[in-house]
C-alpha atoms as a PDB file:
ATOM      1  CA  TYR A   1     -52.082-119.842   3.568  1.00  0.00           C
ATOM      2  CA  LEU A   2     -51.897-116.805   1.322  1.00  0.00           C
ATOM      3  CA  GLY A   3     -49.079-118.365  -0.683  1.00  0.00           C
ATOM      4  CA  ALA A   4     -51.402-121.271  -1.474  1.00  0.00           C
ATOM      5  CA  ALA A   5     -54.085-118.832  -2.607  1.00  0.00           C
ATOM      6  CA  ARG A   6     -51.614-117.601  -5.239  1.00  0.00           C
ATOM      7  CA  SER A   7     -50.714-121.073  -6.524  1.00  0.00           C
ATOM      8  CA  LYS A   8     -49.359-120.980 -10.072  1.00  0.00           C
ATOM      9  CA  GLU A   9     -50.774-124.492 -10.616  1.00  0.00           C
ATOM     10  CA  GLN A  10     -54.161-123.089  -9.530  1.00  0.00           C
ATOM     11  CA  LYS A  11     -54.612-126.078  -7.281  1.00  0.00           C
ATOM     12  CA  LEU A  12     -53.845-126.943  -3.716  1.00  0.00           C
ATOM     13  CA  TYR A  13     -53.837-130.344  -2.097  1.00  0.00           C
ATOM     14  CA  ALA A  14     -54.187-131.041   1.611  1.00  0.00           C
ATOM     15  CA  PHE A  15     -54.447-133.590   4.366  1.00  0.00           C
ATOM     16  CA  VAL A  16     -56.865-132.002   6.848  1.00  0.00           C
ATOM     17  CA  GLY A  17     -57.822-133.099  10.346  1.00  0.00           C
ATOM     18  CA  VAL A  18     -61.295-131.638  10.595  1.00  0.00           C
ATOM     19  CA  GLU A  19     -61.313-131.747  14.390  1.00  0.00           C
ATOM     20  CA  SER A  20     -58.224-129.520  14.307  1.00  0.00           C
ATOM     21  CA  LEU A  21     -60.094-127.035  12.125  1.00  0.00           C
ATOM     22  CA  LEU A  22     -62.947-126.971  14.608  1.00  0.00           C
ATOM     23  CA  SER A  23     -60.523-125.975  17.374  1.00  0.00           C
ATOM     24  CA  LYS A  24     -59.272-122.896  15.491  1.00  0.00           C
ATOM     25  CA  THR A  25     -59.115-119.558  17.214  1.00  0.00           C
ATOM     26  CA  ASN A  26     -61.644-116.981  16.029  1.00  0.00           C
ATOM     27  CA  VAL A  27     -58.941-114.952  14.294  1.00  0.00           C
ATOM     28  CA  LEU A  28     -57.789-117.882  12.184  1.00  0.00           C
ATOM     29  CA  GLU A  29     -61.354-119.021  11.532  1.00  0.00           C
ATOM     30  CA  THR A  30     -62.343-115.572  10.247  1.00  0.00           C
ATOM     31  CA  PHE A  31     -59.229-115.403   8.044  1.00  0.00           C
ATOM     32  CA  TRP A  32     -59.728-118.928   6.662  1.00  0.00           C
ATOM     33  CA  ASP A  33     -63.458-118.602   6.021  1.00  0.00           C
ATOM     34  CA  GLN A  34     -63.288-115.154   4.457  1.00  0.00           C
ATOM     35  CA  GLU A  35     -59.932-113.892   3.195  1.00  0.00           C
ATOM     36  CA  PHE A  36     -58.328-117.222   2.208  1.00  0.00           C
ATOM     37  CA  LYS A  37     -61.417-118.649   0.513  1.00  0.00           C
ATOM     38  CA  ASN A  38     -62.096-115.407  -1.348  1.00  0.00           C
ATOM     39  CA  ALA A  39     -58.474-115.088  -2.482  1.00  0.00           C
ATOM     40  CA  ARG A  40     -58.564-118.637  -3.872  1.00  0.00           C
ATOM     41  CA  LYS A  41     -61.839-118.035  -5.689  1.00  0.00           C
ATOM     42  CA  LYS A  42     -60.538-114.773  -7.164  1.00  0.00           C
ATOM     43  CA  ARG A  43     -57.435-116.547  -8.522  1.00  0.00           C
ATOM     44  CA  ASN A  44     -59.323-119.744  -9.433  1.00  0.00           C
ATOM     45  CA  VAL A  45     -57.238-121.890  -7.059  1.00  0.00           C
ATOM     46  CA  PHE A  46     -59.260-125.037  -6.400  1.00  0.00           C
ATOM     47  CA  GLY A  47     -58.667-127.186  -3.319  1.00  0.00           C
ATOM     48  CA  GLN A  48     -58.623-130.965  -3.126  1.00  0.00           C
ATOM     49  CA  LEU A  49     -58.618-132.203   0.452  1.00  0.00           C
ATOM     50  CA  LEU A  50     -58.414-135.542   2.204  1.00  0.00           C
ATOM     51  CA  VAL A  51     -60.444-135.569   5.426  1.00  0.00           C
ATOM     52  CA  PRO A  52     -61.317-138.268   7.973  1.00  0.00           C
ATOM     53  CA  ASP A  53     -64.448-140.322   7.315  1.00  0.00           C
ATOM     54  CA  ASN A  54     -66.348-139.394  10.468  1.00  0.00           C
ATOM     55  CA  ALA A  55     -69.252-137.096  11.337  1.00  0.00           C
ATOM     56  CA  ALA A  56     -67.063-133.968  11.282  1.00  0.00           C
ATOM     57  CA  GLY A  57     -65.471-134.964   7.959  1.00  0.00           C
ATOM     58  CA  LYS A  58     -68.851-135.590   6.333  1.00  0.00           C
ATOM     59  CA  LYS A  59     -70.155-132.245   7.607  1.00  0.00           C
ATOM     60  CA  PHE A  60     -67.017-130.568   6.231  1.00  0.00           C
ATOM     61  CA  GLN A  61     -67.428-132.337   2.866  1.00  0.00           C
ATOM     62  CA  ALA A  62     -71.058-131.202   2.599  1.00  0.00           C
ATOM     63  CA  LYS A  63     -69.809-127.591   2.351  1.00  0.00           C
ATOM     64  CA  ASP A  64     -67.413-128.245  -0.551  1.00  0.00           C
ATOM     65  CA  ASN A  65     -69.309-126.378  -3.279  1.00  0.00           C
ATOM     66  CA  ARG A  66     -69.504-123.085  -1.418  1.00  0.00           C
ATOM     67  CA  ASN A  67     -65.873-123.396  -0.328  1.00  0.00           C
ATOM     68  CA  PHE A  68     -64.400-123.984  -3.807  1.00  0.00           C
ATOM     69  CA  ARG A  69     -63.007-127.414  -3.011  1.00  0.00           C
ATOM     70  CA  GLU A  70     -63.522-131.157  -3.293  1.00  0.00           C
ATOM     71  CA  SER A  71     -63.048-133.288  -0.199  1.00  0.00           C
ATOM     72  CA  ARG A  72     -62.658-137.042  -0.132  1.00  0.00           C
ATOM     73  CA  LEU A  73     -63.008-139.242   2.913  1.00  0.00           C
ATOM     74  CA  VAL A  74     -60.308-141.533   4.289  1.00  0.00           C
ATOM     75  CA  ASN A  75     -60.529-144.080   7.093  1.00  0.00           C
ATOM     76  CA  ALA A  76     -60.725-141.992  10.273  1.00  0.00           C
ATOM     77  CA  ASP A  77     -59.334-144.793  12.432  1.00  0.00           C
ATOM     78  CA  LEU A  78     -56.104-144.748  10.428  1.00  0.00           C
ATOM     79  CA  TYR A  79     -55.957-141.156   9.120  1.00  0.00           C
ATOM     80  CA  ASN A  80     -57.442-138.723  11.612  1.00  0.00           C
ATOM     81  CA  PHE A  81     -54.780-136.102  10.886  1.00  0.00           C
ATOM     82  CA  PRO A  82     -53.770-134.112  14.008  1.00  0.00           C
ATOM     83  CA  ALA A  83     -52.206-131.409  11.807  1.00  0.00           C
ATOM     84  CA  GLU A  84     -52.682-130.148   8.270  1.00  0.00           C
ATOM     85  CA  VAL A  85     -50.311-130.684   5.364  1.00  0.00           C
ATOM     86  CA  LEU A  86     -50.881-128.203   2.535  1.00  0.00           C
ATOM     87  CA  LEU A  87     -49.230-128.797  -0.857  1.00  0.00           C
ATOM     88  CA  TYR A  88     -49.030-126.333  -3.732  1.00  0.00           C
ATOM     89  CA  ASP A  89     -46.524-125.590  -6.485  1.00  0.00           C
ATOM     90  CA  ASP A  90     -43.094-126.469  -5.020  1.00  0.00           C
ATOM     91  CA  THR A  91     -44.213-125.796  -1.447  1.00  0.00           C
ATOM     92  CA  VAL A  92     -45.212-127.957   1.505  1.00  0.00           C
ATOM     93  CA  ALA A  93     -46.728-126.308   4.567  1.00  0.00           C
ATOM     94  CA  PHE A  94     -47.135-128.193   7.827  1.00  0.00           C
ATOM     95  CA  ILE A  95     -49.747-126.460   9.975  1.00  0.00           C
ATOM     96  CA  SER A  96     -50.848-127.258  13.507  1.00  0.00           C
ATOM     97  CA  TYR A  97     -53.563-125.281  15.192  1.00  0.00           C
ATOM     98  CA  THR A  98     -55.241-125.958  18.463  1.00  0.00           C
ATOM     99  CA  GLN A  99     -57.319-123.842  20.761  1.00  0.00           C
ATOM    100  CA  HIS A 100     -54.130-122.605  22.449  1.00  0.00           C
ATOM    101  CA  GLU A 101     -51.462-122.663  19.745  1.00  0.00           C
ATOM    102  CA  GLU A 102     -50.906-122.091  16.049  1.00  0.00           C
ATOM    103  CA  TYR A 103     -47.692-123.317  14.428  1.00  0.00           C
ATOM    104  CA  ALA A 104     -46.565-123.606  10.819  1.00  0.00           C
ATOM    105  CA  VAL A 105     -43.479-124.604   8.865  1.00  0.00           C
ATOM    106  CA  GLU A 106     -43.185-124.029   5.132  1.00  0.00           C
ATOM    107  CA  ILE A 107     -40.670-125.819   2.925  1.00  0.00           C
ATOM    108  CA  LYS A 108     -40.040-124.685  -0.646  1.00  0.00           C
ATOM    109  CA  ASN A 109     -38.410-127.598  -2.410  1.00  0.00           C
ATOM    110  CA  SER A 110     -39.557-129.201  -5.631  1.00  0.00           C
ATOM    111  CA  ALA A 111     -38.403-132.736  -4.754  1.00  0.00           C
ATOM    112  CA  ILE A 112     -40.085-132.712  -1.338  1.00  0.00           C
ATOM    113  CA  ALA A 113     -43.306-131.210  -2.737  1.00  0.00           C
ATOM    114  CA  THR A 114     -43.395-133.705  -5.610  1.00  0.00           C
ATOM    115  CA  THR A 115     -42.848-136.645  -3.262  1.00  0.00           C
ATOM    116  CA  LEU A 116     -45.599-135.589  -0.869  1.00  0.00           C
ATOM    117  CA  LYS A 117     -47.958-134.929  -3.796  1.00  0.00           C
ATOM    118  CA  MET A 118     -47.357-138.537  -4.875  1.00  0.00           C
ATOM    119  CA  VAL A 119     -48.346-139.755  -1.402  1.00  0.00           C
ATOM    120  CA  TRP A 120     -51.387-137.450  -1.467  1.00  0.00           C
ATOM    121  CA  ARG A 121     -52.388-138.721  -4.950  1.00  0.00           C
ATOM    122  CA  PHE A 122     -52.103-142.340  -3.816  1.00  0.00           C
ATOM    123  CA  MET A 123     -54.475-141.647  -0.916  1.00  0.00           C
ATOM    124  CA  TRP A 124     -56.794-139.565  -3.135  1.00  0.00           C
ATOM    125  CA  GLU A 125     -57.214-142.427  -5.591  1.00  0.00           C
ATOM    126  CA  ALA A 126     -57.964-144.869  -2.748  1.00  0.00           C
ATOM    127  CA  SER A 127     -60.414-142.525  -0.951  1.00  0.00           C
ATOM    128  CA  LYS A 128     -64.213-142.274  -0.995  1.00  0.00           C
ATOM    129  CA  VAL A 129     -65.970-139.556  -2.969  1.00  0.00           C
END
């Protein structure tokens, strides 16, 4: 996450399963809500996130302004992401966190990052504000 907070593009893009966020351990929740958010604000790194269009996604979206992000809703029946995909600069991070496990893989490759940003942009343009 801290690499994303230092994005040279000053933007991060993500596919986020809100239910997964709600299952975070306290350590990760404290880090995400305090250190990560503050680091992004300090460096002016704005987030654009795709989240499921369900009660949890709408509650998440309602907090966008204070969390320095814009969330858009996608059909929860089709896109209720079980893990997070975080895109920034030439990096793709795949992150899975549950109540019992946290796992992440980061790939630094311009072609892969560009391709996944295209997929993200396609969904962003088709999503609900």
